[in-house]
Amino acid sequence: IADIQTNESVSAVSQGFISAGINGEAL
């Protein structure tokens, strides 16, 4: 993440998701 966003100031949103046997998070 530090490599792809080199700007000093950022804003970020997170959202989790889930299905049968599969879960994850989107940032």
mmCIF file of all heavy atoms, coordinates in Angstrom:
data_MODEL
# 
_entry.id   MODEL 
# 
loop_
_atom_site.group_PDB 
_atom_site.id 
_atom_site.type_symbol 
_atom_site.label_atom_id 
_atom_site.label_alt_id 
_atom_site.label_comp_id 
_atom_site.label_asym_id 
_atom_site.label_entity_id 
_atom_site.label_seq_id 
_atom_site.pdbx_PDB_ins_code 
_atom_site.Cartn_x 
_atom_site.Cartn_y 
_atom_site.Cartn_z 
_atom_site.occupancy 
_atom_site.B_iso_or_equiv 
_atom_site.pdbx_formal_charge 
_atom_site.auth_seq_id 
_atom_site.auth_comp_id 
_atom_site.auth_asym_id 
_atom_site.auth_atom_id 
_atom_site.pdbx_PDB_model_num 
ATOM 1   N N   . ILE A 1 1  ? 0.838   -1.198  0.000  1.00 0.00 ? 1  ILE A N   1 
ATOM 2   C CA  . ILE A 1 1  ? 0.000   0.000   0.000  1.00 0.00 ? 1  ILE A CA  1 
ATOM 3   C C   . ILE A 1 1  ? 0.871   1.246   0.000  1.00 0.00 ? 1  ILE A C   1 
ATOM 4   O O   . ILE A 1 1  ? 0.612   2.210   -0.717 1.00 0.00 ? 1  ILE A O   1 
ATOM 5   C CB  . ILE A 1 1  ? -0.954  0.004   1.211  1.00 0.00 ? 1  ILE A CB  1 
ATOM 6   C CG1 . ILE A 1 1  ? -1.955  -1.154  1.104  1.00 0.00 ? 1  ILE A CG1 1 
ATOM 7   C CG2 . ILE A 1 1  ? -1.709  1.327   1.295  1.00 0.00 ? 1  ILE A CG2 1 
ATOM 8   C CD1 . ILE A 1 1  ? -2.893  -1.272  2.277  1.00 0.00 ? 1  ILE A CD1 1 
ATOM 9   N N   . ALA A 1 2  ? 1.935   1.216   0.797  1.00 0.00 ? 2  ALA A N   1 
ATOM 10  C CA  . ALA A 1 2  ? 2.840   2.358   0.843  1.00 0.00 ? 2  ALA A CA  1 
ATOM 11  C C   . ALA A 1 2  ? 3.505   2.576   -0.516 1.00 0.00 ? 2  ALA A C   1 
ATOM 12  O O   . ALA A 1 2  ? 3.806   3.706   -0.897 1.00 0.00 ? 2  ALA A O   1 
ATOM 13  C CB  . ALA A 1 2  ? 3.895   2.141   1.922  1.00 0.00 ? 2  ALA A CB  1 
ATOM 14  N N   . ASP A 1 3  ? 3.698   1.495   -1.244 1.00 0.00 ? 3  ASP A N   1 
ATOM 15  C CA  . ASP A 1 3  ? 4.355   1.578   -2.546 1.00 0.00 ? 3  ASP A CA  1 
ATOM 16  C C   . ASP A 1 3  ? 3.447   2.192   -3.604 1.00 0.00 ? 3  ASP A C   1 
ATOM 17  O O   . ASP A 1 3  ? 3.891   2.947   -4.466 1.00 0.00 ? 3  ASP A O   1 
ATOM 18  C CB  . ASP A 1 3  ? 4.774   0.174   -2.974 1.00 0.00 ? 3  ASP A CB  1 
ATOM 19  C CG  . ASP A 1 3  ? 5.961   0.197   -3.913 1.00 0.00 ? 3  ASP A CG  1 
ATOM 20  O OD1 . ASP A 1 3  ? 6.802   1.098   -3.764 1.00 0.00 ? 3  ASP A OD1 1 
ATOM 21  O OD2 . ASP A 1 3  ? 6.037   -0.671  -4.784 1.00 0.00 ? 3  ASP A OD2 1 
ATOM 22  N N   . ILE A 1 4  ? 2.132   1.856   -3.545 1.00 0.00 ? 4  ILE A N   1 
ATOM 23  C CA  . ILE A 1 4  ? 1.229   2.332   -4.583 1.00 0.00 ? 4  ILE A CA  1 
ATOM 24  C C   . ILE A 1 4  ? 0.695   3.727   -4.283 1.00 0.00 ? 4  ILE A C   1 
ATOM 25  O O   . ILE A 1 4  ? 0.228   4.421   -5.179 1.00 0.00 ? 4  ILE A O   1 
ATOM 26  C CB  . ILE A 1 4  ? 0.040   1.364   -4.784 1.00 0.00 ? 4  ILE A CB  1 
ATOM 27  C CG1 . ILE A 1 4  ? -0.821  1.270   -3.532 1.00 0.00 ? 4  ILE A CG1 1 
ATOM 28  C CG2 . ILE A 1 4  ? 0.534   -0.007  -5.215 1.00 0.00 ? 4  ILE A CG2 1 
ATOM 29  C CD1 . ILE A 1 4  ? -2.051  0.420   -3.678 1.00 0.00 ? 4  ILE A CD1 1 
ATOM 30  N N   . GLN A 1 5  ? 0.741   4.129   -3.017 1.00 0.00 ? 5  GLN A N   1 
ATOM 31  C CA  . GLN A 1 5  ? 0.261   5.464   -2.657 1.00 0.00 ? 5  GLN A CA  1 
ATOM 32  C C   . GLN A 1 5  ? 1.389   6.233   -1.981 1.00 0.00 ? 5  GLN A C   1 
ATOM 33  O O   . GLN A 1 5  ? 1.613   6.124   -0.781 1.00 0.00 ? 5  GLN A O   1 
ATOM 34  C CB  . GLN A 1 5  ? -0.951  5.361   -1.714 1.00 0.00 ? 5  GLN A CB  1 
ATOM 35  C CG  . GLN A 1 5  ? -2.269  5.196   -2.440 1.00 0.00 ? 5  GLN A CG  1 
ATOM 36  C CD  . GLN A 1 5  ? -2.685  6.452   -3.196 1.00 0.00 ? 5  GLN A CD  1 
ATOM 37  O OE1 . GLN A 1 5  ? -2.087  7.500   -3.060 1.00 0.00 ? 5  GLN A OE1 1 
ATOM 38  N NE2 . GLN A 1 5  ? -3.725  6.334   -4.007 1.00 0.00 ? 5  GLN A NE2 1 
ATOM 39  N N   . THR A 1 6  ? 2.131   6.995   -2.751 1.00 0.00 ? 6  THR A N   1 
ATOM 40  C CA  . THR A 1 6  ? 3.275   7.731   -2.231 1.00 0.00 ? 6  THR A CA  1 
ATOM 41  C C   . THR A 1 6  ? 2.904   9.133   -1.764 1.00 0.00 ? 6  THR A C   1 
ATOM 42  O O   . THR A 1 6  ? 3.750   9.851   -1.238 1.00 0.00 ? 6  THR A O   1 
ATOM 43  C CB  . THR A 1 6  ? 4.373   7.832   -3.314 1.00 0.00 ? 6  THR A CB  1 
ATOM 44  O OG1 . THR A 1 6  ? 3.818   8.464   -4.471 1.00 0.00 ? 6  THR A OG1 1 
ATOM 45  C CG2 . THR A 1 6  ? 4.880   6.455   -3.690 1.00 0.00 ? 6  THR A CG2 1 
ATOM 46  N N   . ASN A 1 7  ? 1.657   9.527   -1.965 1.00 0.00 ? 7  ASN A N   1 
ATOM 47  C CA  . ASN A 1 7  ? 1.241   10.857  -1.533 1.00 0.00 ? 7  ASN A CA  1 
ATOM 48  C C   . ASN A 1 7  ? 1.210   10.931  0.000  1.00 0.00 ? 7  ASN A C   1 
ATOM 49  O O   . ASN A 1 7  ? 0.870   9.961   0.674  1.00 0.00 ? 7  ASN A O   1 
ATOM 50  C CB  . ASN A 1 7  ? -0.153  11.174  -2.082 1.00 0.00 ? 7  ASN A CB  1 
ATOM 51  C CG  . ASN A 1 7  ? -0.459  12.656  -2.038 1.00 0.00 ? 7  ASN A CG  1 
ATOM 52  O OD1 . ASN A 1 7  ? 0.321   13.462  -2.509 1.00 0.00 ? 7  ASN A OD1 1 
ATOM 53  N ND2 . ASN A 1 7  ? -1.600  12.992  -1.470 1.00 0.00 ? 7  ASN A ND2 1 
ATOM 54  N N   . GLU A 1 8  ? 1.528   12.099  0.545  1.00 0.00 ? 8  GLU A N   1 
ATOM 55  C CA  . GLU A 1 8  ? 1.582   12.235  1.994  1.00 0.00 ? 8  GLU A CA  1 
ATOM 56  C C   . GLU A 1 8  ? 0.202   12.169  2.633  1.00 0.00 ? 8  GLU A C   1 
ATOM 57  O O   . GLU A 1 8  ? 0.061   11.755  3.768  1.00 0.00 ? 8  GLU A O   1 
ATOM 58  C CB  . GLU A 1 8  ? 2.259   13.567  2.356  1.00 0.00 ? 8  GLU A CB  1 
ATOM 59  C CG  . GLU A 1 8  ? 3.739   13.606  2.000  1.00 0.00 ? 8  GLU A CG  1 
ATOM 60  C CD  . GLU A 1 8  ? 4.379   14.911  2.422  1.00 0.00 ? 8  GLU A CD  1 
ATOM 61  O OE1 . GLU A 1 8  ? 3.646   15.772  2.960  1.00 0.00 ? 8  GLU A OE1 1 
ATOM 62  O OE2 . GLU A 1 8  ? 5.593   15.059  2.218  1.00 0.00 ? 8  GLU A OE2 1 
ATOM 63  N N   . SER A 1 9  ? -0.818  12.588  1.916  1.00 0.00 ? 9  SER A N   1 
ATOM 64  C CA  . SER A 1 9  ? -2.163  12.642  2.476  1.00 0.00 ? 9  SER A CA  1 
ATOM 65  C C   . SER A 1 9  ? -3.118  11.816  1.618  1.00 0.00 ? 9  SER A C   1 
ATOM 66  O O   . SER A 1 9  ? -3.174  11.990  0.400  1.00 0.00 ? 9  SER A O   1 
ATOM 67  C CB  . SER A 1 9  ? -2.642  14.091  2.543  1.00 0.00 ? 9  SER A CB  1 
ATOM 68  O OG  . SER A 1 9  ? -3.961  14.167  3.047  1.00 0.00 ? 9  SER A OG  1 
ATOM 69  N N   . VAL A 1 10 ? -3.861  10.910  2.261  1.00 0.00 ? 10 VAL A N   1 
ATOM 70  C CA  . VAL A 1 10 ? -4.798  10.053  1.548  1.00 0.00 ? 10 VAL A CA  1 
ATOM 71  C C   . VAL A 1 10 ? -6.117  9.986   2.298  1.00 0.00 ? 10 VAL A C   1 
ATOM 72  O O   . VAL A 1 10 ? -6.214  10.338  3.470  1.00 0.00 ? 10 VAL A O   1 
ATOM 73  C CB  . VAL A 1 10 ? -4.236  8.611   1.388  1.00 0.00 ? 10 VAL A CB  1 
ATOM 74  C CG1 . VAL A 1 10 ? -2.956  8.611   0.590  1.00 0.00 ? 10 VAL A CG1 1 
ATOM 75  C CG2 . VAL A 1 10 ? -4.054  7.935   2.738  1.00 0.00 ? 10 VAL A CG2 1 
ATOM 76  N N   . SER A 1 11 ? -7.139  9.508   1.590  1.00 0.00 ? 11 SER A N   1 
ATOM 77  C CA  . SER A 1 11 ? -8.422  9.172   2.191  1.00 0.00 ? 11 SER A CA  1 
ATOM 78  C C   . SER A 1 11 ? -8.760  7.760   1.752  1.00 0.00 ? 11 SER A C   1 
ATOM 79  O O   . SER A 1 11 ? -8.420  7.351   0.638  1.00 0.00 ? 11 SER A O   1 
ATOM 80  C CB  . SER A 1 11 ? -9.515  10.150  1.742  1.00 0.00 ? 11 SER A CB  1 
ATOM 81  O OG  . SER A 1 11 ? -9.223  11.466  2.170  1.00 0.00 ? 11 SER A OG  1 
ATOM 82  N N   . ALA A 1 12 ? -9.424  6.999   2.622  1.00 0.00 ? 12 ALA A N   1 
ATOM 83  C CA  . ALA A 1 12 ? -9.648  5.586   2.315  1.00 0.00 ? 12 ALA A CA  1 
ATOM 84  C C   . ALA A 1 12 ? -10.992 5.105   2.845  1.00 0.00 ? 12 ALA A C   1 
ATOM 85  O O   . ALA A 1 12 ? -11.469 5.556   3.888  1.00 0.00 ? 12 ALA A O   1 
ATOM 86  C CB  . ALA A 1 12 ? -8.525  4.740   2.893  1.00 0.00 ? 12 ALA A CB  1 
ATOM 87  N N   . VAL A 1 13 ? -11.585 4.162   2.099  1.00 0.00 ? 13 VAL A N   1 
ATOM 88  C CA  . VAL A 1 13 ? -12.850 3.530   2.466  1.00 0.00 ? 13 VAL A CA  1 
ATOM 89  C C   . VAL A 1 13 ? -12.661 2.023   2.443  1.00 0.00 ? 13 VAL A C   1 
ATOM 90  O O   . VAL A 1 13 ? -11.979 1.482   1.565  1.00 0.00 ? 13 VAL A O   1 
ATOM 91  C CB  . VAL A 1 13 ? -13.974 3.929   1.485  1.00 0.00 ? 13 VAL A CB  1 
ATOM 92  C CG1 . VAL A 1 13 ? -15.248 3.131   1.758  1.00 0.00 ? 13 VAL A CG1 1 
ATOM 93  C CG2 . VAL A 1 13 ? -14.259 5.415   1.584  1.00 0.00 ? 13 VAL A CG2 1 
ATOM 94  N N   . SER A 1 14 ? -13.257 1.338   3.415  1.00 0.00 ? 14 SER A N   1 
ATOM 95  C CA  . SER A 1 14 ? -13.192 -0.111  3.489  1.00 0.00 ? 14 SER A CA  1 
ATOM 96  C C   . SER A 1 14 ? -14.597 -0.694  3.498  1.00 0.00 ? 14 SER A C   1 
ATOM 97  O O   . SER A 1 14 ? -15.519 -0.105  4.084  1.00 0.00 ? 14 SER A O   1 
ATOM 98  C CB  . SER A 1 14 ? -12.456 -0.542  4.766  1.00 0.00 ? 14 SER A CB  1 
ATOM 99  O OG  . SER A 1 14 ? -12.599 -1.932  4.991  1.00 0.00 ? 14 SER A OG  1 
ATOM 100 N N   . GLN A 1 15 ? -14.753 -1.853  2.841  1.00 0.00 ? 15 GLN A N   1 
ATOM 101 C CA  . GLN A 1 15 ? -16.049 -2.542  2.864  1.00 0.00 ? 15 GLN A CA  1 
ATOM 102 C C   . GLN A 1 15 ? -15.803 -4.043  2.832  1.00 0.00 ? 15 GLN A C   1 
ATOM 103 O O   . GLN A 1 15 ? -15.136 -4.563  1.934  1.00 0.00 ? 15 GLN A O   1 
ATOM 104 C CB  . GLN A 1 15 ? -16.917 -2.124  1.684  1.00 0.00 ? 15 GLN A CB  1 
ATOM 105 C CG  . GLN A 1 15 ? -18.350 -2.654  1.764  1.00 0.00 ? 15 GLN A CG  1 
ATOM 106 C CD  . GLN A 1 15 ? -19.275 -1.944  0.792  1.00 0.00 ? 15 GLN A CD  1 
ATOM 107 O OE1 . GLN A 1 15 ? -18.843 -1.279  -0.139 1.00 0.00 ? 15 GLN A OE1 1 
ATOM 108 N NE2 . GLN A 1 15 ? -20.575 -2.073  1.004  1.00 0.00 ? 15 GLN A NE2 1 
ATOM 109 N N   . GLY A 1 16 ? -16.315 -4.746  3.824  1.00 0.00 ? 16 GLY A N   1 
ATOM 110 C CA  . GLY A 1 16 ? -16.188 -6.196  3.873  1.00 0.00 ? 16 GLY A CA  1 
ATOM 111 C C   . GLY A 1 16 ? -17.307 -6.866  3.107  1.00 0.00 ? 16 GLY A C   1 
ATOM 112 O O   . GLY A 1 16 ? -18.393 -6.306  2.928  1.00 0.00 ? 16 GLY A O   1 
ATOM 113 N N   . PHE A 1 17 ? -17.055 -8.099  2.637  1.00 0.00 ? 17 PHE A N   1 
ATOM 114 C CA  . PHE A 1 17 ? -18.071 -8.861  1.917  1.00 0.00 ? 17 PHE A CA  1 
ATOM 115 C C   . PHE A 1 17 ? -17.880 -10.341 2.210  1.00 0.00 ? 17 PHE A C   1 
ATOM 116 O O   . PHE A 1 17 ? -16.791 -10.809 2.553  1.00 0.00 ? 17 PHE A O   1 
ATOM 117 C CB  . PHE A 1 17 ? -18.000 -8.585  0.411  1.00 0.00 ? 17 PHE A CB  1 
ATOM 118 C CG  . PHE A 1 17 ? -16.639 -8.773  -0.206 1.00 0.00 ? 17 PHE A CG  1 
ATOM 119 C CD1 . PHE A 1 17 ? -16.237 -10.001 -0.719 1.00 0.00 ? 17 PHE A CD1 1 
ATOM 120 C CD2 . PHE A 1 17 ? -15.746 -7.705  -0.268 1.00 0.00 ? 17 PHE A CD2 1 
ATOM 121 C CE1 . PHE A 1 17 ? -14.984 -10.174 -1.282 1.00 0.00 ? 17 PHE A CE1 1 
ATOM 122 C CE2 . PHE A 1 17 ? -14.488 -7.868  -0.835 1.00 0.00 ? 17 PHE A CE2 1 
ATOM 123 C CZ  . PHE A 1 17 ? -14.106 -9.109  -1.344 1.00 0.00 ? 17 PHE A CZ  1 
ATOM 124 N N   . ILE A 1 18 ? -18.966 -11.105 2.080  1.00 0.00 ? 18 ILE A N   1 
ATOM 125 C CA  . ILE A 1 18 ? -18.918 -12.517 2.430  1.00 0.00 ? 18 ILE A CA  1 
ATOM 126 C C   . ILE A 1 18 ? -19.937 -13.304 1.626  1.00 0.00 ? 18 ILE A C   1 
ATOM 127 O O   . ILE A 1 18 ? -21.003 -12.800 1.265  1.00 0.00 ? 18 ILE A O   1 
ATOM 128 C CB  . ILE A 1 18 ? -19.164 -12.713 3.947  1.00 0.00 ? 18 ILE A CB  1 
ATOM 129 C CG1 . ILE A 1 18 ? -18.904 -14.160 4.367  1.00 0.00 ? 18 ILE A CG1 1 
ATOM 130 C CG2 . ILE A 1 18 ? -20.576 -12.267 4.337  1.00 0.00 ? 18 ILE A CG2 1 
ATOM 131 C CD1 . ILE A 1 18 ? -18.864 -14.363 5.866  1.00 0.00 ? 18 ILE A CD1 1 
ATOM 132 N N   . SER A 1 19 ? -19.577 -14.549 1.311  1.00 0.00 ? 19 SER A N   1 
ATOM 133 C CA  . SER A 1 19 ? -20.481 -15.509 0.689  1.00 0.00 ? 19 SER A CA  1 
ATOM 134 C C   . SER A 1 19 ? -20.184 -16.860 1.320  1.00 0.00 ? 19 SER A C   1 
ATOM 135 O O   . SER A 1 19 ? -19.387 -16.947 2.257  1.00 0.00 ? 19 SER A O   1 
ATOM 136 C CB  . SER A 1 19 ? -20.264 -15.539 -0.825 1.00 0.00 ? 19 SER A CB  1 
ATOM 137 O OG  . SER A 1 19 ? -21.160 -16.450 -1.434 1.00 0.00 ? 19 SER A OG  1 
ATOM 138 N N   . ALA A 1 20 ? -20.788 -17.910 0.830  1.00 0.00 ? 20 ALA A N   1 
ATOM 139 C CA  . ALA A 1 20 ? -20.567 -19.236 1.402  1.00 0.00 ? 20 ALA A CA  1 
ATOM 140 C C   . ALA A 1 20 ? -19.118 -19.667 1.193  1.00 0.00 ? 20 ALA A C   1 
ATOM 141 O O   . ALA A 1 20 ? -18.723 -19.997 0.079  1.00 0.00 ? 20 ALA A O   1 
ATOM 142 C CB  . ALA A 1 20 ? -21.512 -20.237 0.747  1.00 0.00 ? 20 ALA A CB  1 
ATOM 143 N N   . GLY A 1 21 ? -18.339 -19.633 2.257  1.00 0.00 ? 21 GLY A N   1 
ATOM 144 C CA  . GLY A 1 21 ? -16.963 -20.097 2.189  1.00 0.00 ? 21 GLY A CA  1 
ATOM 145 C C   . GLY A 1 21 ? -15.966 -19.072 1.709  1.00 0.00 ? 21 GLY A C   1 
ATOM 146 O O   . GLY A 1 21 ? -14.760 -19.305 1.755  1.00 0.00 ? 21 GLY A O   1 
ATOM 147 N N   . ILE A 1 22 ? -16.426 -17.929 1.219  1.00 0.00 ? 22 ILE A N   1 
ATOM 148 C CA  . ILE A 1 22 ? -15.523 -16.906 0.685  1.00 0.00 ? 22 ILE A CA  1 
ATOM 149 C C   . ILE A 1 22 ? -15.840 -15.570 1.350  1.00 0.00 ? 22 ILE A C   1 
ATOM 150 O O   . ILE A 1 22 ? -16.990 -15.158 1.409  1.00 0.00 ? 22 ILE A O   1 
ATOM 151 C CB  . ILE A 1 22 ? -15.682 -16.749 -0.843 1.00 0.00 ? 22 ILE A CB  1 
ATOM 152 C CG1 . ILE A 1 22 ? -15.365 -18.064 -1.552 1.00 0.00 ? 22 ILE A CG1 1 
ATOM 153 C CG2 . ILE A 1 22 ? -14.782 -15.625 -1.367 1.00 0.00 ? 22 ILE A CG2 1 
ATOM 154 C CD1 . ILE A 1 22 ? -15.627 -18.029 -3.047 1.00 0.00 ? 22 ILE A CD1 1 
ATOM 155 N N   . ASN A 1 23 ? -14.814 -14.943 1.877  1.00 0.00 ? 23 ASN A N   1 
ATOM 156 C CA  . ASN A 1 23 ? -15.001 -13.602 2.414  1.00 0.00 ? 23 ASN A CA  1 
ATOM 157 C C   . ASN A 1 23 ? -13.804 -12.745 2.039  1.00 0.00 ? 23 ASN A C   1 
ATOM 158 O O   . ASN A 1 23 ? -12.757 -13.257 1.627  1.00 0.00 ? 23 ASN A O   1 
ATOM 159 C CB  . ASN A 1 23 ? -15.189 -13.626 3.928  1.00 0.00 ? 23 ASN A CB  1 
ATOM 160 C CG  . ASN A 1 23 ? -13.937 -14.059 4.664  1.00 0.00 ? 23 ASN A CG  1 
ATOM 161 O OD1 . ASN A 1 23 ? -13.572 -15.238 4.641  1.00 0.00 ? 23 ASN A OD1 1 
ATOM 162 N ND2 . ASN A 1 23 ? -13.268 -13.118 5.310  1.00 0.00 ? 23 ASN A ND2 1 
ATOM 163 N N   . GLY A 1 24 ? -13.967 -11.446 2.160  1.00 0.00 ? 24 GLY A N   1 
ATOM 164 C CA  . GLY A 1 24 ? -12.877 -10.558 1.803  1.00 0.00 ? 24 GLY A CA  1 
ATOM 165 C C   . GLY A 1 24 ? -13.176 -9.137  2.194  1.00 0.00 ? 24 GLY A C   1 
ATOM 166 O O   . GLY A 1 24 ? -14.181 -8.831  2.845  1.00 0.00 ? 24 GLY A O   1 
ATOM 167 N N   . GLU A 1 25 ? -12.289 -8.259  1.786  1.00 0.00 ? 25 GLU A N   1 
ATOM 168 C CA  . GLU A 1 25 ? -12.414 -6.834  2.096  1.00 0.00 ? 25 GLU A CA  1 
ATOM 169 C C   . GLU A 1 25 ? -11.947 -6.024  0.892  1.00 0.00 ? 25 GLU A C   1 
ATOM 170 O O   . GLU A 1 25 ? -10.984 -6.391  0.213  1.00 0.00 ? 25 GLU A O   1 
ATOM 171 C CB  . GLU A 1 25 ? -11.565 -6.483  3.310  1.00 0.00 ? 25 GLU A CB  1 
ATOM 172 C CG  . GLU A 1 25 ? -11.638 -5.020  3.712  1.00 0.00 ? 25 GLU A CG  1 
ATOM 173 C CD  . GLU A 1 25 ? -10.771 -4.721  4.926  1.00 0.00 ? 25 GLU A CD  1 
ATOM 174 O OE1 . GLU A 1 25 ? -10.026 -5.613  5.370  1.00 0.00 ? 25 GLU A OE1 1 
ATOM 175 O OE2 . GLU A 1 25 ? -10.840 -3.577  5.422  1.00 0.00 ? 25 GLU A OE2 1 
ATOM 176 N N   . ALA A 1 26 ? -12.648 -4.957  0.613  1.00 0.00 ? 26 ALA A N   1 
ATOM 177 C CA  . ALA A 1 26 ? -12.261 -4.040  -0.459 1.00 0.00 ? 26 ALA A CA  1 
ATOM 178 C C   . ALA A 1 26 ? -11.833 -2.717  0.157  1.00 0.00 ? 26 ALA A C   1 
ATOM 179 O O   . ALA A 1 26 ? -12.508 -2.179  1.036  1.00 0.00 ? 26 ALA A O   1 
ATOM 180 C CB  . ALA A 1 26 ? -13.422 -3.825  -1.418 1.00 0.00 ? 26 ALA A CB  1 
ATOM 181 N N   . LEU A 1 27 ? -10.697 -2.207  -0.301 1.00 0.00 ? 27 LEU A N   1 
ATOM 182 C CA  . LEU A 1 27 ? -10.193 -0.909  0.142  1.00 0.00 ? 27 LEU A CA  1 
ATOM 183 C C   . LEU A 1 27 ? -10.074 0.015   -1.068 1.00 0.00 ? 27 LEU A C   1 
ATOM 184 O O   . LEU A 1 27 ? -9.499  -0.378  -2.091 1.00 0.00 ? 27 LEU A O   1 
ATOM 185 C CB  . LEU A 1 27 ? -8.809  -1.042  0.778  1.00 0.00 ? 27 LEU A CB  1 
ATOM 186 C CG  . LEU A 1 27 ? -8.664  -1.845  2.066  1.00 0.00 ? 27 LEU A CG  1 
ATOM 187 C CD1 . LEU A 1 27 ? -7.189  -1.961  2.419  1.00 0.00 ? 27 LEU A CD1 1 
ATOM 188 C CD2 . LEU A 1 27 ? -9.420  -1.174  3.193  1.00 0.00 ? 27 LEU A CD2 1 
# 
